[in-house]
Protein backbone atom coordinates (compact mmCIF):
# COMPACT_ATOMS: atom_id res chain seq x y z
CA MET A 1 -60.70 -20.21 -30.22
CA GLY A 2 -59.48 -23.18 -28.06
CA ALA A 3 -61.14 -24.53 -24.78
CA GLY A 4 -59.32 -24.96 -21.63
CA SER A 5 -59.34 -23.98 -17.88
CA ALA A 6 -58.08 -20.51 -16.60
CA ARG A 7 -54.44 -20.41 -15.38
CA ALA A 8 -53.62 -18.53 -12.19
CA ALA A 9 -50.25 -16.50 -12.32
CA ASP A 10 -47.95 -16.29 -9.32
CA THR A 11 -48.34 -12.99 -7.37
CA PRO A 12 -44.95 -11.51 -6.45
CA ALA A 13 -45.92 -9.74 -3.26
CA VAL A 14 -46.87 -10.06 0.30
CA LEU A 15 -50.70 -10.70 0.40
CA ALA A 16 -52.96 -9.76 3.27
CA GLY A 17 -54.93 -12.58 4.86
CA VAL A 18 -58.59 -12.82 5.29
CA SER A 19 -59.89 -11.50 8.70
CA ASN A 20 -62.49 -13.54 10.47
CA SER A 21 -65.81 -11.88 10.62
CA SER A 22 -69.38 -12.59 11.69
CA VAL A 23 -71.07 -10.37 9.14
CA GLN A 24 -73.54 -12.07 6.91
CA ILE A 25 -72.05 -12.69 3.41
CA PRO A 26 -74.42 -13.03 0.30
CA ASP A 27 -74.73 -16.41 -1.22
CA SER A 28 -73.18 -15.25 -4.54
CA LEU A 29 -70.09 -14.44 -2.52
CA ALA A 30 -69.98 -17.20 0.06
CA GLN A 31 -70.56 -20.02 -2.53
CA ARG A 32 -68.08 -20.56 -5.25
CA GLY A 33 -69.72 -21.65 -8.32
CA SER A 34 -73.13 -20.15 -7.52
CA THR A 35 -75.55 -19.93 -10.50
CA ASN A 36 -76.52 -16.30 -9.50
CA PHE A 37 -75.44 -14.17 -12.64
CA ASN A 38 -77.12 -10.95 -11.46
CA ASP A 39 -73.78 -9.44 -10.54
CA MET A 40 -72.40 -9.73 -14.14
CA GLY A 41 -71.90 -6.76 -16.30
CA SER A 42 -72.31 -6.25 -20.03
CA TRP A 43 -70.23 -7.22 -23.03
CA ILE A 44 -67.99 -4.42 -23.79
CA TRP A 45 -65.50 -3.66 -26.48
CA GLU A 46 -63.74 -0.89 -28.56
CA THR A 47 -65.91 1.26 -30.92
CA ASN A 48 -64.47 -0.59 -33.87
CA THR A 49 -63.97 -4.42 -34.13
CA PHE A 50 -61.60 -6.04 -36.35
CA ASP A 51 -59.69 -9.27 -36.64
CA ARG A 52 -56.43 -9.63 -34.71
CA GLN A 53 -57.33 -6.87 -32.45
CA THR A 54 -56.09 -6.61 -28.84
CA VAL A 55 -58.08 -4.19 -26.46
CA ARG A 56 -56.79 -3.29 -23.11
CA PHE A 57 -59.45 -2.31 -20.34
CA TRP A 58 -58.71 -0.59 -17.08
CA LYS A 59 -60.81 0.02 -14.00
CA LEU A 60 -60.05 1.74 -10.66
CA LEU A 61 -61.26 -0.04 -7.53
CA GLU A 62 -61.17 1.65 -4.28
CA ILE A 63 -61.74 -0.24 -0.87
CA PRO A 64 -62.35 1.97 2.19
CA TYR A 65 -59.54 2.30 4.68
CA SER A 66 -61.90 2.09 7.65
CA THR A 67 -62.83 -1.61 7.07
CA LYS A 68 -61.36 -4.94 5.79
CA VAL A 69 -62.34 -7.25 2.98
CA THR A 70 -63.82 -10.52 4.08
CA CYS A 71 -64.64 -12.06 0.67
CA ALA A 72 -64.10 -11.28 -2.96
CA ARG A 73 -65.12 -13.11 -6.20
CA LEU A 74 -64.53 -12.21 -9.75
CA ARG A 75 -66.07 -13.75 -12.88
CA ILE A 76 -64.79 -13.02 -16.26
CA THR A 77 -64.42 -14.23 -19.89
CA GLY A 78 -63.32 -12.79 -23.18
CA ASP A 79 -63.88 -13.54 -26.75
CA ASN A 80 -61.38 -14.91 -27.79
CA GLU A 81 -58.66 -14.82 -25.20
CA TYR A 82 -58.16 -12.73 -22.00
CA THR A 83 -55.40 -11.87 -19.65
CA LEU A 84 -56.41 -10.53 -16.07
CA PHE A 85 -54.24 -8.20 -14.06
CA LEU A 86 -54.68 -6.76 -10.49
CA ASP A 87 -52.14 -4.07 -9.50
CA GLY A 88 -49.88 -4.98 -12.25
CA ARG A 89 -49.74 -8.78 -11.18
CA GLU A 90 -51.18 -11.34 -13.75
CA LEU A 91 -53.85 -13.20 -12.09
CA GLY A 92 -54.72 -15.75 -14.99
CA ARG A 93 -55.65 -16.11 -18.60
CA ASP A 94 -57.62 -18.34 -20.86
CA ALA A 95 -59.00 -18.72 -24.42
CA GLU A 96 -62.50 -20.49 -24.01
CA TRP A 97 -64.98 -17.60 -24.11
CA ARG A 98 -68.02 -19.91 -23.74
CA HIS A 99 -67.00 -20.68 -19.90
CA LEU A 100 -67.00 -17.97 -17.16
CA TYR A 101 -63.90 -18.16 -14.95
CA GLU A 102 -64.37 -17.48 -11.36
CA TYR A 103 -61.54 -16.17 -9.13
CA ASP A 104 -61.05 -15.91 -5.38
CA ILE A 105 -59.21 -12.68 -4.87
CA THR A 106 -59.91 -12.24 -1.18
CA PRO A 107 -56.22 -12.51 -0.03
CA LEU A 108 -55.26 -9.80 -2.73
CA LEU A 109 -57.37 -6.91 -1.80
CA THR A 110 -56.46 -4.46 1.03
CA PRO A 111 -57.89 -1.12 1.94
CA GLY A 112 -56.84 1.41 -0.69
CA LYS A 113 -56.69 1.86 -4.47
CA HIS A 114 -56.39 -1.00 -6.73
CA GLY A 115 -56.10 -1.23 -10.59
CA LEU A 116 -58.01 -3.77 -12.52
CA GLY A 117 -56.70 -4.50 -15.95
CA VAL A 118 -57.93 -6.85 -18.72
CA ALA A 119 -56.25 -7.46 -22.26
CA VAL A 120 -58.39 -9.29 -24.53
CA TYR A 121 -57.34 -10.68 -28.07
CA ASN A 122 -59.81 -10.97 -30.79
CA SER A 123 -58.92 -13.57 -33.57
CA PHE A 124 -62.07 -12.86 -35.99
CA ASN A 125 -65.67 -11.97 -36.09
CA GLU A 126 -67.30 -10.76 -32.96
CA ALA A 127 -65.28 -9.62 -30.03
CA GLY A 128 -66.11 -8.73 -26.37
CA MET A 129 -65.24 -8.88 -22.62
CA VAL A 130 -67.70 -9.43 -19.71
CA LEU A 131 -66.82 -9.18 -16.03
CA GLY A 132 -68.60 -9.21 -12.70
CA MET A 133 -66.92 -8.67 -9.32
CA ARG A 134 -68.46 -8.44 -5.76
CA VAL A 135 -66.39 -7.61 -2.59
CA GLY A 136 -67.79 -8.19 0.68
CA LEU A 137 -66.52 -5.92 3.52
CA GLU A 138 -66.17 -6.31 7.31
CA ASN A 139 -68.93 -3.59 7.88
CA GLY A 140 -71.47 -5.48 5.89
CA GLN A 141 -71.06 -3.27 2.67
CA VAL A 142 -70.68 -4.99 -0.68
CA ILE A 143 -68.83 -3.23 -3.58
CA GLU A 144 -69.88 -4.52 -7.04
CA VAL A 145 -67.69 -3.94 -10.13
CA LYS A 146 -69.27 -4.66 -13.55
CA SER A 147 -68.09 -4.37 -17.03
CA ASP A 148 -69.78 -1.33 -18.40
CA GLU A 149 -69.13 2.18 -20.11
CA THR A 150 -67.10 3.29 -16.96
CA TRP A 151 -64.22 1.06 -18.01
CA LEU A 152 -61.50 2.79 -19.88
CA ILE A 153 -59.62 1.55 -22.98
CA VAL A 154 -55.89 2.13 -22.74
CA SER A 155 -53.89 3.12 -25.90
CA GLU A 156 -51.22 0.72 -27.07
CA LYS A 157 -48.56 3.13 -26.68
CA VAL A 158 -48.95 3.31 -22.87
CA ARG A 159 -46.27 1.25 -20.88
CA GLY A 160 -46.97 -0.10 -17.61
CA TRP A 161 -50.73 0.42 -17.74
CA GLU A 162 -51.47 -2.52 -15.62
CA LYS A 163 -49.86 -0.91 -12.63
CA ARG A 164 -51.58 2.37 -13.01
CA LEU A 165 -53.80 3.82 -10.20
CA GLU A 166 -54.71 7.06 -12.00
CA PRO A 167 -56.12 7.25 -15.59
CA GLU A 168 -54.91 9.29 -18.31
CA GLY A 169 -56.93 11.85 -20.11
CA SER A 170 -56.48 10.36 -23.50
CA TRP A 171 -57.93 6.96 -22.53
CA ARG A 172 -61.54 6.49 -24.01
CA LYS A 173 -64.58 4.79 -22.53
CA ALA A 174 -65.58 1.39 -23.44
CA LYS A 175 -68.67 0.54 -25.72
CA ILE A 176 -71.48 -1.62 -24.51
CA LEU A 177 -72.31 -4.24 -27.22
CA ALA A 178 -74.93 -6.32 -25.33
CA ALA A 179 -76.22 -7.42 -22.03
CA PHE A 180 -75.09 -10.51 -20.44
CA GLY A 181 -77.08 -13.47 -21.81
CA GLU A 182 -77.83 -11.96 -25.02
CA GLN A 183 -76.72 -12.59 -28.68
CA PRO A 184 -74.43 -13.10 -30.22
CA TRP A 185 -72.96 -14.75 -27.24
CA GLY A 186 -76.07 -16.21 -25.53
CA VAL A 187 -76.26 -17.76 -21.98
CA LEU A 188 -73.06 -18.75 -20.43
CA ASP A 189 -73.92 -20.96 -17.52
CA TYR A 190 -70.74 -23.04 -17.25
CA ILE A 191 -68.40 -21.73 -14.52
CA GLU A 192 -64.58 -22.66 -14.22
CA LEU A 193 -63.41 -22.32 -10.80
CA VAL A 194 -59.76 -21.18 -10.72
CA PRO A 195 -57.63 -22.49 -7.85
CA PRO A 196 -57.38 -19.99 -5.12
CA LEU A 197 -54.33 -17.83 -5.47
CA GLN A 198 -51.99 -18.42 -2.43
CA PRO A 199 -50.15 -15.62 -0.89
CA VAL A 200 -46.38 -15.59 -1.85
CA ILE A 201 -44.08 -14.29 0.95
CA ILE A 202 -41.22 -12.40 -0.34
CA PRO A 203 -37.90 -13.10 1.70
CA PHE A 204 -36.42 -9.98 3.18
CA TRP A 205 -33.38 -10.22 0.89
CA GLN A 206 -35.71 -9.60 -2.28
CA ARG A 207 -37.42 -6.58 -0.68
CA GLY A 208 -36.62 -3.17 -1.96
CA TRP A 209 -35.30 -1.71 1.40
CA PHE A 210 -32.98 -4.44 1.90
CA GLN A 211 -31.65 -4.39 -1.63
CA ILE A 212 -31.21 -0.49 -1.36
CA THR A 213 -29.41 -0.89 1.87
CA LEU A 214 -27.18 -3.70 0.61
CA LEU A 215 -26.34 -1.55 -2.35
CA THR A 216 -25.59 1.46 -0.10
CA VAL A 217 -23.35 -0.52 2.07
CA CYS A 218 -21.49 -2.15 -0.87
CA GLY A 219 -21.15 1.51 -2.17
CA VAL A 220 -19.74 2.81 0.99
CA VAL A 221 -17.35 -0.39 1.43
CA SER A 222 -16.21 0.13 -2.24
CA LEU A 223 -15.51 3.87 -1.62
CA ILE A 224 -13.70 3.16 1.56
CA SER A 225 -11.64 0.27 -0.25
CA PHE A 226 -10.83 2.67 -2.96
CA TRP A 227 -9.76 5.44 -0.46
CA LEU A 228 -7.60 2.81 1.39
CA THR A 229 -6.02 1.58 -1.74
CA THR A 230 -5.22 5.26 -3.02
CA GLN A 231 -3.67 5.95 0.56
CA LEU A 232 -1.60 2.73 0.38
CA MET A 233 -0.42 3.68 -3.14
CA VAL A 234 0.49 7.13 -1.84
CA HIS A 235 2.21 5.84 1.19
CA LYS A 236 4.21 3.33 -0.94
CA LYS A 237 5.19 5.99 -3.31
CA GLU A 238 6.21 8.23 -0.47
CA LYS A 239 8.38 5.37 0.99
CA GLU A 240 10.00 4.81 -2.42
CA LEU A 241 10.90 8.54 -2.90
CA LEU A 242 12.19 8.54 0.86
CA LEU A 243 14.36 5.71 0.37
CA ARG A 244 15.61 7.14 -2.91
CA GLU A 245 16.41 10.34 -1.06
CA ARG A 246 18.13 8.67 1.74
CA GLY A 247 20.38 6.85 -0.80
CA ARG A 248 21.17 10.06 -2.50
CA ILE A 249 21.98 11.69 0.82
CA ALA A 250 24.29 8.76 1.76
CA ARG A 251 26.10 9.08 -1.55
CA ASP A 252 26.47 12.87 -1.26
CA ILE A 253 27.90 12.70 2.32
CA HIS A 254 30.38 9.90 1.30
CA ASP A 255 31.40 11.39 -1.94
CA ASP A 256 31.66 15.08 -0.85
CA LEU A 257 31.89 15.65 2.80
CA GLY A 258 33.80 12.49 3.46
CA LEU A 259 36.26 13.34 0.86
CA ARG A 260 36.73 16.66 2.31
CA VAL A 261 37.17 15.52 5.92
CA THR A 262 39.78 12.85 4.63
CA GLN A 263 41.77 15.67 2.86
CA LEU A 264 41.82 17.56 6.04
CA VAL A 265 43.29 14.55 8.07
CA LEU A 266 45.87 14.15 5.28
CA GLN A 267 46.74 17.70 5.29
CA GLY A 268 47.01 17.82 9.29
CA GLU A 269 49.36 14.83 9.06
CA VAL A 270 51.56 16.51 6.47
CA ALA A 271 51.68 19.63 8.48
CA GLN A 272 52.25 17.74 11.57
CA SER A 273 55.30 16.10 10.14
CA GLU A 274 56.91 19.56 9.49
CA TRP A 275 57.13 20.35 13.28
CA PRO A 276 59.45 18.72 15.53
CA ALA A 277 58.34 16.17 18.09
CA GLY A 278 57.31 17.70 21.50
CA SER A 279 56.29 21.06 20.02
CA GLU A 280 53.04 22.69 21.09
CA THR A 281 51.97 23.22 17.45
CA ARG A 282 52.56 19.47 16.63
CA ALA A 283 50.39 18.56 19.79
CA GLN A 284 47.50 20.83 18.50
CA LEU A 285 47.82 19.16 15.05
CA ASP A 286 47.72 15.74 16.56
CA THR A 287 44.48 16.66 18.46
CA MET A 288 43.06 18.21 15.10
CA CYS A 289 43.76 15.06 13.18
CA GLU A 290 42.39 12.65 15.78
CA GLU A 291 39.13 14.83 16.09
CA ALA A 292 38.91 14.65 12.39
CA ARG A 293 39.27 10.82 12.37
CA GLU A 294 36.57 10.67 15.01
CA ALA A 295 34.40 12.86 12.80
CA LEU A 296 35.07 10.29 9.97
CA ARG A 297 33.92 7.27 12.25
CA ALA A 298 30.78 9.35 13.23
CA MET A 299 30.14 10.01 9.53
CA ASP A 300 30.46 6.42 8.65
CA GLU A 301 28.01 5.51 11.30
CA VAL A 302 25.67 8.12 10.12
CA LEU A 303 26.12 6.66 6.50
CA TRP A 304 25.32 3.31 7.70
CA ALA A 305 22.13 4.54 9.47
CA ILE A 306 20.61 6.41 6.59
CA ASN A 307 21.61 3.91 3.78
CA PRO A 308 18.35 2.11 2.80
CA ARG A 309 20.30 -0.96 1.74
CA ARG A 310 21.26 -1.51 5.41
CA ASP A 311 17.53 -1.70 6.60
CA THR A 312 17.67 -5.37 7.50
CA LEU A 313 18.22 -7.35 10.68
CA ARG A 314 21.20 -9.24 9.27
CA GLU A 315 22.96 -5.93 8.29
CA PHE A 316 22.30 -4.40 11.82
CA VAL A 317 23.53 -7.53 13.72
CA THR A 318 26.61 -7.55 11.49
CA TYR A 319 27.38 -3.92 12.07
CA VAL A 320 26.79 -4.06 15.93
CA CYS A 321 29.04 -7.02 16.43
CA GLY A 322 31.67 -5.31 14.44
CA TYR A 323 31.26 -2.10 16.46
CA ALA A 324 31.53 -4.05 19.80
CA GLN A 325 34.65 -5.85 18.78
CA LYS A 326 36.26 -2.79 17.44
CA PHE A 327 35.27 -0.62 20.32
CA LEU A 328 36.57 -3.17 22.97
CA LYS A 329 39.88 -4.02 20.94
CA SER A 330 41.83 -1.25 22.85
CA THR A 331 40.49 -2.20 26.16
CA PRO A 332 41.24 -5.17 28.66
CA ILE A 333 37.77 -6.31 28.10
CA GLN A 334 37.37 -9.59 25.91
CA CYS A 335 34.41 -9.52 23.65
CA VAL A 336 32.27 -12.90 23.37
CA LEU A 337 29.53 -13.00 20.51
CA ASP A 338 26.53 -15.29 21.07
CA VAL A 339 24.50 -14.66 17.77
CA ASP A 340 22.07 -16.84 16.00
CA SER A 341 23.61 -18.38 13.03
CA GLY A 342 20.59 -18.04 10.86
CA MET A 343 19.77 -14.47 11.35
CA SER A 344 17.28 -13.40 8.60
CA SER A 345 17.10 -10.44 6.25
CA THR A 346 13.96 -9.25 7.84
CA ALA A 347 13.29 -5.54 7.39
CA PHE A 348 14.54 -3.62 10.14
CA ASP A 349 13.80 0.08 9.66
CA LEU A 350 15.93 3.08 10.39
CA PRO A 351 13.98 4.19 13.53
CA LEU A 352 14.33 0.84 15.31
CA ARG A 353 17.89 0.13 14.43
CA ARG A 354 19.22 3.48 15.05
CA THR A 355 17.50 3.71 18.62
CA LEU A 356 18.81 0.12 19.49
CA LEU A 357 22.37 1.05 18.24
CA LEU A 358 22.46 4.16 20.44
CA ALA A 359 21.37 2.07 23.39
CA VAL A 360 23.84 -0.61 22.98
CA LYS A 361 26.66 1.95 22.42
CA GLU A 362 25.60 3.39 25.87
CA ALA A 363 25.66 0.03 27.52
CA LEU A 364 29.18 -0.67 26.05
CA ASN A 365 30.44 2.70 27.15
CA ASN A 366 29.16 2.12 30.78
CA ALA A 367 30.88 -1.32 30.75
CA VAL A 368 34.31 0.01 29.78
CA LYS A 369 34.05 3.08 32.06
CA HIS A 370 32.71 1.52 35.28
CA SER A 371 32.55 -2.30 35.18
CA GLN A 372 36.31 -3.24 35.35
CA ALA A 373 35.41 -6.38 33.76
CA THR A 374 37.66 -8.83 31.75
CA GLU A 375 34.98 -10.32 29.66
CA LEU A 376 31.75 -9.07 28.02
CA HIS A 377 29.05 -11.18 26.41
CA LEU A 378 26.91 -9.77 23.56
CA LYS A 379 24.09 -12.21 22.89
CA ILE A 380 21.46 -11.58 20.03
CA ARG A 381 18.33 -13.62 19.63
CA CYS A 382 15.43 -13.39 17.34
CA GLN A 383 12.33 -15.00 19.02
CA ASN A 384 8.34 -14.46 18.72
CA LYS A 385 8.86 -11.57 16.36
CA GLN A 386 11.11 -9.83 18.83
CA LEU A 387 14.81 -9.05 18.90
CA LEU A 388 16.43 -9.71 22.23
CA LEU A 389 19.86 -8.16 22.72
CA VAL A 390 21.76 -8.60 25.98
CA VAL A 391 25.10 -7.10 27.11
CA ALA A 392 26.47 -8.81 30.22
CA ASP A 393 29.85 -8.34 31.77
CA ASN A 394 31.80 -10.11 34.64
CA GLY A 395 32.79 -6.78 36.36
CA LYS A 396 32.36 -5.46 39.82
CA GLY A 397 28.69 -4.76 39.36
CA PHE A 398 26.79 -2.21 41.58
CA ASP A 399 23.60 -1.64 43.34
CA PRO A 400 20.98 -0.12 41.01
CA ALA A 401 19.05 1.47 43.89
CA LEU A 402 22.20 3.42 44.87
CA ALA A 403 22.96 4.70 41.37
CA ASN A 404 23.56 8.29 40.93
CA PRO A 405 20.24 9.87 39.72
CA GLU A 406 22.15 12.72 38.00
CA ARG A 407 23.53 10.30 35.51
CA ASN A 408 21.11 9.89 32.50
CA GLY A 409 22.60 6.52 30.99
CA LEU A 410 20.01 4.38 32.45
CA THR A 411 17.14 6.72 31.88
CA ASN A 412 18.21 7.35 28.24
CA MET A 413 18.29 3.69 27.51
CA ALA A 414 14.85 3.02 28.99
CA GLN A 415 13.52 6.12 27.22
CA ARG A 416 14.85 5.01 23.81
CA MET A 417 13.33 1.55 24.21
CA THR A 418 9.94 3.10 25.09
CA GLU A 419 10.01 5.34 22.00
CA VAL A 420 9.97 2.24 19.69
CA GLY A 421 7.71 0.04 21.81
CA GLY A 422 10.50 -2.09 23.32
CA SER A 423 11.42 -2.73 26.92
CA PHE A 424 14.76 -2.28 29.05
CA HIS A 425 15.77 -4.44 31.99
CA LEU A 426 18.70 -4.03 34.00
CA THR A 427 20.16 -6.66 36.71
CA SER A 428 23.21 -6.07 38.71
CA GLN A 429 24.59 -6.50 42.16
CA PRO A 430 27.93 -5.73 43.76
CA GLY A 431 30.42 -8.29 42.83
CA ALA A 432 28.29 -10.22 40.39
CA GLY A 433 28.64 -8.23 37.15
CA CYS A 434 25.95 -6.26 35.24
CA ARG A 435 23.33 -7.65 32.69
CA VAL A 436 21.55 -5.11 30.47
CA GLU A 437 18.62 -6.63 28.31
CA PHE A 438 16.73 -4.84 25.33
CA ASN A 439 13.74 -6.26 23.86
CA ILE A 440 12.43 -4.74 20.70
CA PRO A 441 9.64 -5.56 18.24
CA LEU A 442 10.69 -6.31 14.66
CA THR A 443 7.81 -4.14 13.51
CA GLN A 444 7.11 -0.56 14.44
CA ALA A 445 4.98 -0.36 17.59
CA ARG A 446 2.12 2.20 17.76
CA PRO A 447 2.97 5.21 19.72
CA SER A 448 1.44 5.52 23.23
CA PHE A 449 -0.68 8.64 23.64
CA SER A 450 -1.12 8.32 27.40
CA TRP A 451 1.17 10.50 29.30
CA TRP A 452 0.92 8.22 32.32
CA THR A 453 1.99 5.33 30.24
CA ARG A 454 5.01 7.05 28.77
CA ARG A 455 6.08 8.24 32.22
CA TRP A 456 5.86 4.70 33.64
CA ARG A 457 7.71 3.15 30.83
CA ALA A 458 10.53 5.76 30.88
CA LYS A 459 11.53 4.56 34.28
CA PRO A 460 14.27 1.45 34.02
CA GLN A 461 12.85 -1.70 35.36
CA ILE A 462 15.51 -2.55 37.74
CA LYS A 463 15.57 -5.66 39.74
CA PRO A 464 17.17 -5.09 43.21
CA SER A 465 19.49 -7.61 44.58
CA SER A 466 17.86 -8.14 48.00
CA ARG A 467 15.72 -6.36 50.61
CA LYS A 468 18.66 -5.14 52.43
CA THR A 469 19.81 -3.30 49.19
CA ALA A 470 16.32 -1.59 49.09
CA ALA A 471 16.58 -0.75 52.77
CA ARG A 472 19.98 0.78 52.25
CA ALA A 473 18.67 2.74 49.38
CA ALA A 474 15.86 4.22 51.50
CA ASP A 475 18.45 5.23 54.25
CA THR A 476 20.69 6.84 51.68
CA LYS A 477 17.68 8.96 50.47
CA GLU A 478 16.80 10.12 53.93
CA THR A 479 20.38 11.07 54.55
């Protein structure tokens, strides 16, 4: 049995403060270390006493909800060593039974039920625990708690007994051994004042509601991340299957359908040679062979479009330049190419390159049919993640405001650019040639769900040459 002062334990909870009150408080409560021992209980213990024994005492304390605690003092000691609990929180412990230890627990008591627990260890010989507690309330009432036979002894098998607010039926009542001041312990008049327990404020991130909310949010985020990852994997797999299928279709068309059309051309040429020149049958065979060759060229274009190995910007530029030179070769128009030398192999998906190719073909076809030009510039630039493609000729030009509305060429080009999130600009005036500009993003743009937006974008943005041109267009419309 060693001597020493009681040690106060940290209290991991938000503690209520003491309310100011004008109620008269008894001296034994108002003055710490008072020599008034009338509020002390009796020495209590288990029915049987033996060496190296631990007994756990439990008592229910209830504070009325209609009032507040203004002052609370608790005195205790145990032979040989005690540990004091309040609502499962350790308040202090010590091993000098000859001293009384006084605790100021005012900040810890709030209206409602509280569980008092004391664990006492006996080294040898006599054993006991004595306690006295007085609680002053705001309404002037005083609650006394003393160690007596109303205390219950908790079985060693019970877990978390310090936090219990309701007893179990198997708990036994304590046994009174002697009144306070009687033998074998005698008079205990030395009081150790335990430093007041300071309230400990729990940060919000350590509170249960915050941790539960955080875990819930983390769980939801994890589920969403898992779902997005799964969707990404599915889309990636679908894209791989699509590319594989496109490659298979391209091979089948080339190896099967292309071979059959080529055989038709060869057979038509053989049949053509058997008829004399100038005959009607030979002319028909000439037409059939030419149509078959056109079909082969169209098939080559389709193969280029669906082949996944051509889904790059460099392949597109190479194909467009080759197509323009080949298309203008049989015309009096000279093709001048102005292309970035370092065109990258950035991905250029099928919808983008197919749409832009059809628009460029329309522009080249219009130049050959209507421009009467001698030179055509094909300019391709990659800037700010956008692809700029310009078709400009030095032909006779025209007045865009007077263009025939029944022709769908300009409208089709504008609509194609709108479908892929690009833009179309046409600049022309009589005697000054024509310039068609396509601007398209290198990534697929989001579709527009607004009908008014689609309608506005579908109209070609034409720059009239002058105010006189606009006036003539109005007069023509009225006529």
